Amino acid sequence: MYRTDEQERLIKQGDDAEALLSTAAFQNVLNALVEGTFQQFVNTKPDESSARENLYNHYRALVDVANTLKQQTAIRDQIMESTKEGDSSQEEE
């Protein structure tokens, strides 16, 4: 089945995301940032609610980066599967 330019772009984006997610360096940096943020969060004083809120937002941003990359790989996989299924149905005709 023919893929659109947009599908090709999304596939490339998914490939790039998977490559990044699969590198030990990226995982190590992400884990270090999450751990550091958590340590700062738990070491805030009771009256530092603004600092805790900022740290929580920092943590959420890190999670969003990882989830976005995972979503990009999932989109790529869906496109690949749908075009593979399209190829199979065309062969049956």
PDB file of N, CA and C in Angstrom:
ATOM      1  N   MET A   1       0.848  -1.175   0.000  1.00  0.00           N
ATOM      2  CA  MET A   1       0.000   0.000   0.000  1.00  0.00           C
ATOM      3  C   MET A   1       0.896   1.241   0.000  1.00  0.00           C
ATOM      4  N   TYR A   2       0.443   2.251  -0.657  1.00  0.00           N
ATOM      5  CA  TYR A   2       1.183   3.510  -0.782  1.00  0.00           C
ATOM      6  C   TYR A   2       1.110   4.286   0.536  1.00  0.00           C
ATOM      7  N   ARG A   3       2.222   4.841   0.956  1.00  0.00           N
ATOM      8  CA  ARG A   3       2.261   5.684   2.150  1.00  0.00           C
ATOM      9  C   ARG A   3       2.353   7.144   1.741  1.00  0.00           C
ATOM     10  N   THR A   4       1.636   7.988   2.481  1.00  0.00           N
ATOM     11  CA  THR A   4       1.684   9.425   2.221  1.00  0.00           C
ATOM     12  C   THR A   4       2.992   9.999   2.768  1.00  0.00           C
ATOM     13  N   ASP A   5       3.302  11.214   2.359  1.00  0.00           N
ATOM     14  CA  ASP A   5       4.487  11.889   2.884  1.00  0.00           C
ATOM     15  C   ASP A   5       4.374  12.066   4.396  1.00  0.00           C
ATOM     16  N   GLU A   6       3.175  12.345   4.868  1.00  0.00           N
ATOM     17  CA  GLU A   6       2.956  12.506   6.303  1.00  0.00           C
ATOM     18  C   GLU A   6       3.215  11.188   7.039  1.00  0.00           C
ATOM     19  N   GLN A   7       2.744  10.089   6.482  1.00  0.00           N
ATOM     20  CA  GLN A   7       3.007   8.791   7.099  1.00  0.00           C
ATOM     21  C   GLN A   7       4.503   8.493   7.124  1.00  0.00           C
ATOM     22  N   GLU A   8       5.185   8.800   6.058  1.00  0.00           N
ATOM     23  CA  GLU A   8       6.635   8.583   6.004  1.00  0.00           C
ATOM     24  C   GLU A   8       7.341   9.439   7.057  1.00  0.00           C
ATOM     25  N   ARG A   9       6.862  10.668   7.239  1.00  0.00           N
ATOM     26  CA  ARG A   9       7.444  11.553   8.246  1.00  0.00           C
ATOM     27  C   ARG A   9       7.223  10.983   9.642  1.00  0.00           C
ATOM     28  N   LEU A  10       6.018  10.475   9.898  1.00  0.00           N
ATOM     29  CA  LEU A  10       5.708   9.901  11.204  1.00  0.00           C
ATOM     30  C   LEU A  10       6.498   8.618  11.463  1.00  0.00           C
ATOM     31  N   ILE A  11       6.718   7.847  10.424  1.00  0.00           N
ATOM     32  CA  ILE A  11       7.526   6.633  10.566  1.00  0.00           C
ATOM     33  C   ILE A  11       8.962   7.010  10.924  1.00  0.00           C
ATOM     34  N   LYS A  12       9.502   7.991  10.237  1.00  0.00           N
ATOM     35  CA  LYS A  12      10.862   8.454  10.523  1.00  0.00           C
ATOM     36  C   LYS A  12      10.943   8.997  11.945  1.00  0.00           C
ATOM     37  N   GLN A  13       9.940   9.752  12.340  1.00  0.00           N
ATOM     38  CA  GLN A  13       9.895  10.304  13.691  1.00  0.00           C
ATOM     39  C   GLN A  13       9.865   9.172  14.723  1.00  0.00           C
ATOM     40  N   GLY A  14       9.085   8.137  14.454  1.00  0.00           N
ATOM     41  CA  GLY A  14       9.026   6.977  15.349  1.00  0.00           C
ATOM     42  C   GLY A  14      10.343   6.229  15.408  1.00  0.00           C
ATOM     43  N   ASP A  15      11.005   6.098  14.259  1.00  0.00           N
ATOM     44  CA  ASP A  15      12.325   5.457  14.234  1.00  0.00           C
ATOM     45  C   ASP A  15      13.323   6.241  15.080  1.00  0.00           C
ATOM     46  N   ASP A  16      13.307   7.557  14.922  1.00  0.00           N
ATOM     47  CA  ASP A  16      14.207   8.407  15.697  1.00  0.00           C
ATOM     48  C   ASP A  16      13.907   8.318  17.194  1.00  0.00           C
ATOM     49  N   ALA A  17      12.622   8.299  17.535  1.00  0.00           N
ATOM     50  CA  ALA A  17      12.223   8.202  18.939  1.00  0.00           C
ATOM     51  C   ALA A  17      12.679   6.878  19.539  1.00  0.00           C
ATOM     52  N   GLU A  18      12.505   5.799  18.790  1.00  0.00           N
ATOM     53  CA  GLU A  18      12.932   4.491  19.287  1.00  0.00           C
ATOM     54  C   GLU A  18      14.444   4.442  19.469  1.00  0.00           C
ATOM     55  N   ALA A  19      15.167   5.032  18.533  1.00  0.00           N
ATOM     56  CA  ALA A  19      16.627   5.056  18.641  1.00  0.00           C
ATOM     57  C   ALA A  19      17.046   5.800  19.909  1.00  0.00           C
ATOM     58  N   LEU A  20      16.393   6.907  20.194  1.00  0.00           N
ATOM     59  CA  LEU A  20      16.722   7.681  21.386  1.00  0.00           C
ATOM     60  C   LEU A  20      16.365   6.907  22.653  1.00  0.00           C
ATOM     61  N   LEU A  21      15.164   6.335  22.672  1.00  0.00           N
ATOM     62  CA  LEU A  21      14.725   5.582  23.851  1.00  0.00           C
ATOM     63  C   LEU A  21      15.608   4.373  24.133  1.00  0.00           C
ATOM     64  N   SER A  22      16.187   3.815  23.106  1.00  0.00           N
ATOM     65  CA  SER A  22      16.958   2.584  23.283  1.00  0.00           C
ATOM     66  C   SER A  22      18.419   2.829  23.664  1.00  0.00           C
ATOM     67  N   THR A  23      18.828   4.082  23.722  1.00  0.00           N
ATOM     68  CA  THR A  23      20.218   4.353  24.088  1.00  0.00           C
ATOM     69  C   THR A  23      20.363   4.394  25.612  1.00  0.00           C
ATOM     70  N   ALA A  24      21.414   3.780  26.081  1.00  0.00           N
ATOM     71  CA  ALA A  24      21.680   3.771  27.512  1.00  0.00           C
ATOM     72  C   ALA A  24      21.934   5.191  28.014  1.00  0.00           C
ATOM     73  N   ALA A  25      22.609   5.997  27.213  1.00  0.00           N
ATOM     74  CA  ALA A  25      22.914   7.367  27.631  1.00  0.00           C
ATOM     75  C   ALA A  25      21.635   8.150  27.911  1.00  0.00           C
ATOM     76  N   PHE A  26      20.651   8.043  27.026  1.00  0.00           N
ATOM     77  CA  PHE A  26      19.393   8.760  27.228  1.00  0.00           C
ATOM     78  C   PHE A  26      18.688   8.255  28.480  1.00  0.00           C
ATOM     79  N   GLN A  27      18.620   6.941  28.627  1.00  0.00           N
ATOM     80  CA  GLN A  27      17.963   6.357  29.806  1.00  0.00           C
ATOM     81  C   GLN A  27      18.665   6.785  31.092  1.00  0.00           C
ATOM     82  N   ASN A  28      19.990   6.797  31.064  1.00  0.00           N
ATOM     83  CA  ASN A  28      20.755   7.203  32.252  1.00  0.00           C
ATOM     84  C   ASN A  28      20.496   8.664  32.609  1.00  0.00           C
ATOM     85  N   VAL A  29      20.486   9.530  31.607  1.00  0.00           N
ATOM     86  CA  VAL A  29      20.230  10.950  31.861  1.00  0.00           C
ATOM     87  C   VAL A  29      18.810  11.145  32.384  1.00  0.00           C
ATOM     88  N   LEU A  30      17.846  10.510  31.747  1.00  0.00           N
ATOM     89  CA  LEU A  30      16.463  10.649  32.170  1.00  0.00           C
ATOM     90  C   LEU A  30      16.283  10.148  33.608  1.00  0.00           C
ATOM     91  N   ASN A  31      16.835   8.992  33.897  1.00  0.00           N
ATOM     92  CA  ASN A  31      16.724   8.439  35.257  1.00  0.00           C
ATOM     93  C   ASN A  31      17.412   9.336  36.285  1.00  0.00           C
ATOM     94  N   ALA A  32      18.565   9.875  35.924  1.00  0.00           N
ATOM     95  CA  ALA A  32      19.281  10.771  36.842  1.00  0.00           C
ATOM     96  C   ALA A  32      18.473  12.045  37.103  1.00  0.00           C
ATOM     97  N   LEU A  33      17.859  12.583  36.055  1.00  0.00           N
ATOM     98  CA  LEU A  33      17.039  13.783  36.224  1.00  0.00           C
ATOM     99  C   LEU A  33      15.821  13.509  37.093  1.00  0.00           C
ATOM    100  N   VAL A  34      15.168  12.373  36.869  1.00  0.00           N
ATOM    101  CA  VAL A  34      13.998  12.012  37.676  1.00  0.00           C
ATOM    102  C   VAL A  34      14.413  11.819  39.132  1.00  0.00           C
ATOM    103  N   GLU A  35      15.488  11.071  39.345  1.00  0.00           N
ATOM    104  CA  GLU A  35      15.954  10.822  40.709  1.00  0.00           C
ATOM    105  C   GLU A  35      16.358  12.124  41.400  1.00  0.00           C
ATOM    106  N   GLY A  36      17.077  12.983  40.698  1.00  0.00           N
ATOM    107  CA  GLY A  36      17.486  14.263  41.271  1.00  0.00           C
ATOM    108  C   GLY A  36      16.297  15.136  41.620  1.00  0.00           C
ATOM    109  N   THR A  37      15.321  15.150  40.749  1.00  0.00           N
ATOM    110  CA  THR A  37      14.114  15.940  41.004  1.00  0.00           C
ATOM    111  C   THR A  37      13.362  15.400  42.213  1.00  0.00           C
ATOM    112  N   PHE A  38      13.270  14.079  42.294  1.00  0.00           N
ATOM    113  CA  PHE A  38      12.593  13.463  43.439  1.00  0.00           C
ATOM    114  C   PHE A  38      13.318  13.799  44.745  1.00  0.00           C
ATOM    115  N   GLN A  39      14.629  13.691  44.736  1.00  0.00           N
ATOM    116  CA  GLN A  39      15.404  13.995  45.946  1.00  0.00           C
ATOM    117  C   GLN A  39      15.205  15.449  46.379  1.00  0.00           C
ATOM    118  N   GLN A  40      15.209  16.350  45.413  1.00  0.00           N
ATOM    119  CA  GLN A  40      14.978  17.765  45.749  1.00  0.00           C
ATOM    120  C   GLN A  40      13.573  17.955  46.304  1.00  0.00           C
ATOM    121  N   PHE A  41      12.605  17.257  45.708  1.00  0.00           N
ATOM    122  CA  PHE A  41      11.207  17.368  46.133  1.00  0.00           C
ATOM    123  C   PHE A  41      11.053  16.934  47.585  1.00  0.00           C
ATOM    124  N   VAL A  42      11.581  15.754  47.919  1.00  0.00           N
ATOM    125  CA  VAL A  42      11.393  15.238  49.280  1.00  0.00           C
ATOM    126  C   VAL A  42      12.215  16.005  50.307  1.00  0.00           C
ATOM    127  N   ASN A  43      13.194  16.753  49.868  1.00  0.00           N
ATOM    128  CA  ASN A  43      14.022  17.518  50.804  1.00  0.00           C
ATOM    129  C   ASN A  43      13.575  18.975  50.957  1.00  0.00           C
ATOM    130  N   THR A  44      12.439  19.323  50.370  1.00  0.00           N
ATOM    131  CA  THR A  44      11.933  20.686  50.550  1.00  0.00           C
ATOM    132  C   THR A  44      11.369  20.834  51.963  1.00  0.00           C
ATOM    133  N   LYS A  45      11.367  22.040  52.426  1.00  0.00           N
ATOM    134  CA  LYS A  45      10.802  22.337  53.749  1.00  0.00           C
ATOM    135  C   LYS A  45       9.283  22.466  53.623  1.00  0.00           C
ATOM    136  N   PRO A  46       8.582  22.256  54.714  1.00  0.00           N
ATOM    137  CA  PRO A  46       7.110  22.326  54.661  1.00  0.00           C
ATOM    138  C   PRO A  46       6.564  23.630  54.078  1.00  0.00           C
ATOM    139  N   ASP A  47       7.261  24.729  54.284  1.00  0.00           N
ATOM    140  CA  ASP A  47       6.757  26.010  53.793  1.00  0.00           C
ATOM    141  C   ASP A  47       7.191  26.313  52.346  1.00  0.00           C
ATOM    142  N   GLU A  48       7.836  25.371  51.681  1.00  0.00           N
ATOM    143  CA  GLU A  48       8.315  25.577  50.312  1.00  0.00           C
ATOM    144  C   GLU A  48       7.386  24.935  49.276  1.00  0.00           C
ATOM    145  N   SER A  49       6.117  25.246  49.389  1.00  0.00           N
ATOM    146  CA  SER A  49       5.142  24.646  48.466  1.00  0.00           C
ATOM    147  C   SER A  49       5.383  25.065  47.019  1.00  0.00           C
ATOM    148  N   SER A  50       5.833  26.287  46.821  1.00  0.00           N
ATOM    149  CA  SER A  50       6.116  26.758  45.458  1.00  0.00           C
ATOM    150  C   SER A  50       7.267  25.958  44.843  1.00  0.00           C
ATOM    151  N   ALA A  51       8.295  25.699  45.632  1.00  0.00           N
ATOM    152  CA  ALA A  51       9.431  24.899  45.142  1.00  0.00           C
ATOM    153  C   ALA A  51       8.979  23.485  44.811  1.00  0.00           C
ATOM    154  N   ARG A  52       8.134  22.889  45.671  1.00  0.00           N
ATOM    155  CA  ARG A  52       7.618  21.541  45.404  1.00  0.00           C
ATOM    156  C   ARG A  52       6.791  21.518  44.126  1.00  0.00           C
ATOM    157  N   GLU A  53       5.987  22.546  43.946  1.00  0.00           N
ATOM    158  CA  GLU A  53       5.172  22.617  42.730  1.00  0.00           C
ATOM    159  C   GLU A  53       6.064  22.712  41.490  1.00  0.00           C
ATOM    160  N   ASN A  54       7.103  23.506  41.545  1.00  0.00           N
ATOM    161  CA  ASN A  54       8.045  23.613  40.420  1.00  0.00           C
ATOM    162  C   ASN A  54       8.744  22.287  40.157  1.00  0.00           C
ATOM    163  N   LEU A  55       9.146  21.613  41.209  1.00  0.00           N
ATOM    164  CA  LEU A  55       9.809  20.312  41.053  1.00  0.00           C
ATOM    165  C   LEU A  55       8.844  19.274  40.481  1.00  0.00           C
ATOM    166  N   TYR A  56       7.608  19.303  40.945  1.00  0.00           N
ATOM    167  CA  TYR A  56       6.611  18.389  40.399  1.00  0.00           C
ATOM    168  C   TYR A  56       6.409  18.648  38.908  1.00  0.00           C
ATOM    169  N   ASN A  57       6.326  19.920  38.537  1.00  0.00           N
ATOM    170  CA  ASN A  57       6.168  20.261  37.115  1.00  0.00           C
ATOM    171  C   ASN A  57       7.384  19.813  36.305  1.00  0.00           C
ATOM    172  N   HIS A  58       8.551  19.912  36.893  1.00  0.00           N
ATOM    173  CA  HIS A  58       9.774  19.437  36.228  1.00  0.00           C
ATOM    174  C   HIS A  58       9.696  17.925  36.013  1.00  0.00           C
ATOM    175  N   TYR A  59       9.280  17.210  37.039  1.00  0.00           N
ATOM    176  CA  TYR A  59       9.106  15.757  36.923  1.00  0.00           C
ATOM    177  C   TYR A  59       8.091  15.419  35.825  1.00  0.00           C
ATOM    178  N   ARG A  60       6.967  16.112  35.823  1.00  0.00           N
ATOM    179  CA  ARG A  60       5.928  15.850  34.804  1.00  0.00           C
ATOM    180  C   ARG A  60       6.464  16.116  33.402  1.00  0.00           C
ATOM    181  N   ALA A  61       7.297  17.126  33.244  1.00  0.00           N
ATOM    182  CA  ALA A  61       7.888  17.414  31.936  1.00  0.00           C
ATOM    183  C   ALA A  61       8.783  16.265  31.495  1.00  0.00           C
ATOM    184  N   LEU A  62       9.554  15.714  32.423  1.00  0.00           N
ATOM    185  CA  LEU A  62      10.418  14.573  32.083  1.00  0.00           C
ATOM    186  C   LEU A  62       9.576  13.364  31.657  1.00  0.00           C
ATOM    187  N   VAL A  63       8.520  13.120  32.386  1.00  0.00           N
ATOM    188  CA  VAL A  63       7.628  12.007  32.035  1.00  0.00           C
ATOM    189  C   VAL A  63       6.976  12.266  30.678  1.00  0.00           C
ATOM    190  N   ASP A  64       6.588  13.495  30.425  1.00  0.00           N
ATOM    191  CA  ASP A  64       5.975  13.840  29.137  1.00  0.00           C
ATOM    192  C   ASP A  64       6.936  13.608  27.977  1.00  0.00           C
ATOM    193  N   VAL A  65       8.210  13.916  28.168  1.00  0.00           N
ATOM    194  CA  VAL A  65       9.206  13.672  27.108  1.00  0.00           C
ATOM    195  C   VAL A  65       9.258  12.178  26.792  1.00  0.00           C
ATOM    196  N   ALA A  66       9.384  11.364  27.824  1.00  0.00           N
ATOM    197  CA  ALA A  66       9.463   9.915  27.612  1.00  0.00           C
ATOM    198  C   ALA A  66       8.178   9.380  26.980  1.00  0.00           C
ATOM    199  N   ASN A  67       7.034   9.828  27.466  1.00  0.00           N
ATOM    200  CA  ASN A  67       5.758   9.352  26.926  1.00  0.00           C
ATOM    201  C   ASN A  67       5.546   9.802  25.483  1.00  0.00           C
ATOM    202  N   THR A  68       5.989  10.995  25.149  1.00  0.00           N
ATOM    203  CA  THR A  68       5.878  11.473  23.768  1.00  0.00           C
ATOM    204  C   THR A  68       6.703  10.604  22.831  1.00  0.00           C
ATOM    205  N   LEU A  69       7.905  10.269  23.244  1.00  0.00           N
ATOM    206  CA  LEU A  69       8.751   9.392  22.425  1.00  0.00           C
ATOM    207  C   LEU A  69       8.109   8.016  22.262  1.00  0.00           C
ATOM    208  N   LYS A  70       7.549   7.489  23.342  1.00  0.00           N
ATOM    209  CA  LYS A  70       6.863   6.186  23.256  1.00  0.00           C
ATOM    210  C   LYS A  70       5.644   6.265  22.345  1.00  0.00           C
ATOM    211  N   GLN A  71       4.927   7.373  22.412  1.00  0.00           N
ATOM    212  CA  GLN A  71       3.759   7.560  21.554  1.00  0.00           C
ATOM    213  C   GLN A  71       4.177   7.621  20.087  1.00  0.00           C
ATOM    214  N   GLN A  72       5.286   8.278  19.815  1.00  0.00           N
ATOM    215  CA  GLN A  72       5.765   8.361  18.434  1.00  0.00           C
ATOM    216  C   GLN A  72       6.130   6.987  17.888  1.00  0.00           C
ATOM    217  N   THR A  73       6.699   6.124  18.733  1.00  0.00           N
ATOM    218  CA  THR A  73       7.000   4.766  18.260  1.00  0.00           C
ATOM    219  C   THR A  73       5.716   3.973  18.051  1.00  0.00           C
ATOM    220  N   ALA A  74       4.720   4.198  18.895  1.00  0.00           N
ATOM    221  CA  ALA A  74       3.443   3.495  18.738  1.00  0.00           C
ATOM    222  C   ALA A  74       2.730   3.924  17.456  1.00  0.00           C
ATOM    223  N   ILE A  75       2.768   5.211  17.155  1.00  0.00           N
ATOM    224  CA  ILE A  75       2.157   5.707  15.910  1.00  0.00           C
ATOM    225  C   ILE A  75       2.849   5.087  14.711  1.00  0.00           C
ATOM    226  N   ARG A  76       4.183   5.054  14.757  1.00  0.00           N
ATOM    227  CA  ARG A  76       4.940   4.419  13.677  1.00  0.00           C
ATOM    228  C   ARG A  76       4.506   2.970  13.501  1.00  0.00           C
ATOM    229  N   ASP A  77       4.398   2.245  14.603  1.00  0.00           N
ATOM    230  CA  ASP A  77       4.010   0.836  14.542  1.00  0.00           C
ATOM    231  C   ASP A  77       2.609   0.664  13.957  1.00  0.00           C
ATOM    232  N   GLN A  78       1.694   1.562  14.310  1.00  0.00           N
ATOM    233  CA  GLN A  78       0.335   1.495  13.770  1.00  0.00           C
ATOM    234  C   GLN A  78       0.335   1.735  12.264  1.00  0.00           C
ATOM    235  N   ILE A  79       1.112   2.698  11.831  1.00  0.00           N
ATOM    236  CA  ILE A  79       1.191   2.980  10.389  1.00  0.00           C
ATOM    237  C   ILE A  79       1.783   1.783   9.661  1.00  0.00           C
ATOM    238  N   MET A  80       2.855   1.244  10.222  1.00  0.00           N
ATOM    239  CA  MET A  80       3.504   0.092   9.591  1.00  0.00           C
ATOM    240  C   MET A  80       2.533  -1.089   9.504  1.00  0.00           C
ATOM    241  N   GLU A  81       1.791  -1.327  10.564  1.00  0.00           N
ATOM    242  CA  GLU A  81       0.845  -2.439  10.593  1.00  0.00           C
ATOM    243  C   GLU A  81      -0.297  -2.214   9.595  1.00  0.00           C
ATOM    244  N   SER A  82      -0.819  -0.991   9.559  1.00  0.00           N
ATOM    245  CA  SER A  82      -1.948  -0.726   8.653  1.00  0.00           C
ATOM    246  C   SER A  82      -1.524  -0.800   7.194  1.00  0.00           C
ATOM    247  N   THR A  83      -0.314  -0.345   6.895  1.00  0.00           N
ATOM    248  CA  THR A  83       0.128  -0.425   5.503  1.00  0.00           C
ATOM    249  C   THR A  83       0.492  -1.860   5.141  1.00  0.00           C
ATOM    250  N   LYS A  84       0.967  -2.626   6.124  1.00  0.00           N
ATOM    251  CA  LYS A  84       1.251  -4.043   5.883  1.00  0.00           C
ATOM    252  C   LYS A  84      -0.054  -4.799   5.619  1.00  0.00           C
ATOM    253  N   GLU A  85      -1.087  -4.486   6.399  1.00  0.00           N
ATOM    254  CA  GLU A  85      -2.395  -5.111   6.197  1.00  0.00           C
ATOM    255  C   GLU A  85      -2.963  -4.721   4.843  1.00  0.00           C
ATOM    256  N   GLY A  86      -2.756  -3.469   4.440  1.00  0.00           N
ATOM    257  CA  GLY A  86      -3.206  -3.005   3.127  1.00  0.00           C
ATOM    258  C   GLY A  86      -2.511  -3.749   2.022  1.00  0.00           C
ATOM    259  N   ASP A  87      -1.214  -4.014   2.196  1.00  0.00           N
ATOM    260  CA  ASP A  87      -0.462  -4.774   1.200  1.00  0.00           C
ATOM    261  C   ASP A  87      -0.997  -6.192   1.087  1.00  0.00           C
ATOM    262  N   SER A  88      -1.324  -6.798   2.240  1.00  0.00           N
ATOM    263  CA  SER A  88      -1.821  -8.173   2.257  1.00  0.00           C
ATOM    264  C   SER A  88      -3.178  -8.257   1.557  1.00  0.00           C
ATOM    265  N   SER A  89      -4.050  -7.283   1.805  1.00  0.00           N
ATOM    266  CA  SER A  89      -5.383  -7.342   1.197  1.00  0.00           C
ATOM    267  C   SER A  89      -5.294  -7.101  -0.304  1.00  0.00           C
ATOM    268  N   GLN A  90      -4.337  -6.307  -0.759  1.00  0.00           N
ATOM    269  CA  GLN A  90      -4.169  -6.071  -2.185  1.00  0.00           C
ATOM    270  C   GLN A  90      -3.645  -7.329  -2.876  1.00  0.00           C
ATOM    271  N   GLU A  91      -2.801  -8.089  -2.179  1.00  0.00           N
ATOM    272  CA  GLU A  91      -2.267  -9.316  -2.750  1.00  0.00           C
ATOM    273  C   GLU A  91      -3.363 -10.354  -2.912  1.00  0.00           C
ATOM    274  N   GLU A  92      -4.359 -10.338  -2.015  1.00  0.00           N
ATOM    275  CA  GLU A  92      -5.438 -11.317  -2.063  1.00  0.00           C
ATOM    276  C   GLU A  92      -6.399 -11.033  -3.214  1.00  0.00           C
ATOM    277  N   GLU A  93      -6.445  -9.804  -3.694  1.00  0.00           N
ATOM    278  CA  GLU A  93      -7.400  -9.442  -4.730  1.00  0.00           C
ATOM    279  C   GLU A  93      -7.022  -9.995  -6.067  1.00  0.00           C
TER     280      GLU A  93
END
